[in-house]
C-alpha cells in the first residue's frame, strides 16, 4: 500500500489516532490516480486483515502468500536462483546517489534519525567484521 501511494493505509499525524485507525478502521484505497489490479488490492487486503488468524499466511506461512493470484506470473524458484531479470535496473552513480528519490524526501531534515551519517560511515568501514555473522 505504501509503495503504491507513498503513505501508510492508516496514516494520521496524531500517533494515538493512527493506532486507533490501525486497530479499527476499514482499509480504503485512495483515488484512482494509481492503477491497481484487483489481484493487488486483494493481496493488500488479505495482508491487512485485523484478525491475525485469518490473515494471509496465517495457515501455511509463506507458501500461502506465494499461492495468492497476485504472484501468479512470478517465478519464485528463478528469483531465488537469480535467474529473473529485474524489469528496471536503476543507473546508480555511487552509494549516496539519491536521484531516484523525490526531492521532498531527500530534502527532509534527518537530524533526528536514529542513526547519524558518522555512524553510517563507521558501519560501512567496519562491515567486514560482520561478514561471518548469520541468523542460523
Protein backbone atom coordinates (compact mmCIF):
# COMPACT_ATOMS: atom_id res chain seq x y z
CA UNK A 1 0.00 0.00 0.00
CA UNK A 2 2.73 2.41 0.98
CA UNK A 3 4.79 1.61 -2.12
CA UNK A 4 1.77 2.40 -4.30
CA UNK A 5 0.52 5.55 -2.57
CA UNK A 6 3.50 6.86 -0.62
CA UNK A 7 1.64 6.78 2.71
CA UNK A 8 0.58 4.06 5.10
CA UNK A 9 -3.05 2.90 4.83
CA UNK A 10 -4.00 4.29 8.24
CA UNK A 11 -1.92 7.47 8.19
CA UNK A 12 -2.57 10.21 10.74
CA UNK A 13 -0.32 12.89 12.25
CA UNK A 14 -1.66 12.00 15.70
CA UNK A 15 0.00 8.74 16.76
CA UNK A 16 -2.86 7.71 19.05
CA UNK A 17 -5.37 8.30 16.25
CA UNK A 18 -3.18 6.31 13.85
CA UNK A 19 -3.12 3.35 16.25
CA UNK A 20 -6.90 3.60 16.56
CA UNK A 21 -7.20 3.53 12.76
CA UNK A 22 -4.88 0.52 12.51
CA UNK A 23 -6.99 -1.39 15.01
CA UNK A 24 -10.47 -0.41 13.87
CA UNK A 25 -10.66 1.42 10.53
CA UNK A 26 -11.65 -0.29 7.33
CA UNK A 27 -8.99 -0.34 4.62
CA UNK A 28 -9.78 2.13 1.87
CA UNK A 29 -7.90 2.51 -1.36
CA UNK A 30 -7.26 6.09 -2.39
CA UNK A 31 -8.42 7.77 -5.57
CA UNK A 32 -7.79 6.19 -8.94
CA UNK A 33 -4.53 8.09 -9.52
CA UNK A 34 -2.74 4.72 -9.28
CA UNK A 35 -3.99 1.87 -11.45
CA UNK A 36 -4.13 -1.17 -9.17
CA UNK A 37 -5.22 -4.63 -10.30
CA UNK A 38 -7.93 -6.49 -8.44
CA UNK A 39 -5.32 -9.12 -7.51
CA UNK A 40 -3.10 -6.45 -5.96
CA UNK A 41 -5.99 -4.97 -3.99
CA UNK A 42 -6.99 -8.40 -2.74
CA UNK A 43 -3.39 -9.19 -1.78
CA UNK A 44 -3.09 -5.99 0.27
CA UNK A 45 -6.49 -6.53 1.89
CA UNK A 46 -5.53 -10.11 2.75
CA UNK A 47 -2.32 -8.98 4.46
CA UNK A 48 -4.13 -6.30 6.47
CA UNK A 49 -6.95 -8.42 7.89
CA UNK A 50 -7.38 -7.35 11.51
CA UNK A 51 -7.67 -10.89 12.90
CA UNK A 52 -4.18 -12.44 12.63
CA UNK A 53 -5.70 -15.94 12.49
CA UNK A 54 -7.49 -15.03 9.26
CA UNK A 55 -4.66 -13.01 7.69
CA UNK A 56 -2.97 -14.26 4.52
CA UNK A 57 -0.10 -16.53 5.50
CA UNK A 58 -1.54 -17.47 8.89
CA UNK A 59 -2.30 -21.07 7.95
CA UNK A 60 0.52 -22.11 5.58
CA UNK A 61 3.02 -19.28 6.03
CA UNK A 62 4.93 -18.02 3.03
CA UNK A 63 3.66 -20.87 0.84
CA UNK A 64 0.16 -19.47 1.24
CA UNK A 65 1.37 -15.99 0.29
CA UNK A 66 3.17 -17.35 -2.80
CA UNK A 67 -0.07 -19.04 -3.91
CA UNK A 68 -2.01 -15.77 -3.99
CA UNK A 69 -3.11 -14.78 -7.54
CA UNK A 70 -1.07 -11.57 -7.28
CA UNK A 71 2.06 -13.72 -7.67
CA UNK A 72 0.63 -15.96 -10.40
CA UNK A 73 3.24 -14.98 -13.00
CA UNK A 74 6.21 -14.73 -10.63
CA UNK A 75 8.81 -17.48 -10.89
CA UNK A 76 9.89 -17.80 -7.25
CA UNK A 77 12.46 -20.50 -7.98
CA UNK A 78 14.03 -18.37 -10.71
CA UNK A 79 14.00 -15.40 -8.38
CA UNK A 80 15.85 -17.35 -5.68
CA UNK A 81 18.36 -18.58 -8.28
CA UNK A 82 18.93 -15.03 -9.60
CA UNK A 83 17.54 -16.08 -12.99
CA UNK A 84 14.83 -13.41 -13.08
CA UNK A 85 15.88 -10.17 -14.74
CA UNK A 86 14.60 -7.05 -13.00
CA UNK A 87 12.18 -5.05 -15.15
CA UNK A 88 14.06 -1.86 -14.25
CA UNK A 89 17.68 -1.50 -13.19
CA UNK A 90 18.50 1.99 -11.95
CA UNK A 91 21.72 3.64 -13.04
CA UNK A 92 23.19 4.30 -9.59
CA UNK A 93 26.26 6.57 -9.65
CA UNK A 94 27.51 5.76 -6.12
CA UNK A 95 26.36 4.63 -2.65
CA UNK A 96 24.92 8.07 -1.94
CA UNK A 97 23.06 8.58 -5.24
CA UNK A 98 19.55 9.75 -4.38
CA UNK A 99 18.49 10.73 -7.89
CA UNK A 100 15.66 8.18 -7.95
CA UNK A 101 14.05 9.57 -4.79
CA UNK A 102 11.69 12.57 -4.84
CA UNK A 103 13.26 15.85 -3.68
CA UNK A 104 10.64 16.32 -0.96
CA UNK A 105 12.05 13.17 0.64
CA UNK A 106 15.74 13.87 0.10
CA UNK A 107 15.40 17.44 1.37
CA UNK A 108 13.87 16.33 4.67
CA UNK A 109 15.74 17.07 7.88
CA UNK A 110 17.09 13.76 9.13
CA UNK A 111 18.92 15.13 12.17
CA UNK A 112 16.54 13.31 14.50
CA UNK A 113 17.10 9.97 12.76
CA UNK A 114 18.06 7.03 14.92
CA UNK A 115 21.47 6.84 13.29
CA UNK A 116 23.62 9.68 12.03
CA UNK A 117 25.81 9.92 8.95
CA UNK A 118 29.00 9.44 11.00
CA UNK A 119 27.63 6.20 12.44
CA UNK A 120 26.68 5.05 8.95
CA UNK A 121 30.22 5.72 7.77
CA UNK A 122 31.66 3.70 10.69
CA UNK A 123 29.31 0.82 9.89
CA UNK A 124 30.42 0.88 6.27
CA UNK A 125 34.08 0.95 7.29
CA UNK A 126 33.67 -1.98 9.71
CA UNK A 127 31.15 -4.15 7.89
CA UNK A 128 33.74 -6.86 7.19
CA UNK A 129 33.70 -7.70 10.91
CA UNK A 130 30.12 -8.94 10.46
CA UNK A 131 30.53 -10.98 7.26
CA UNK A 132 30.53 -14.33 9.08
CA UNK A 133 27.52 -13.44 11.25
CA UNK A 134 24.43 -15.47 10.40
CA UNK A 135 20.92 -15.70 11.79
CA UNK A 136 21.02 -19.50 11.99
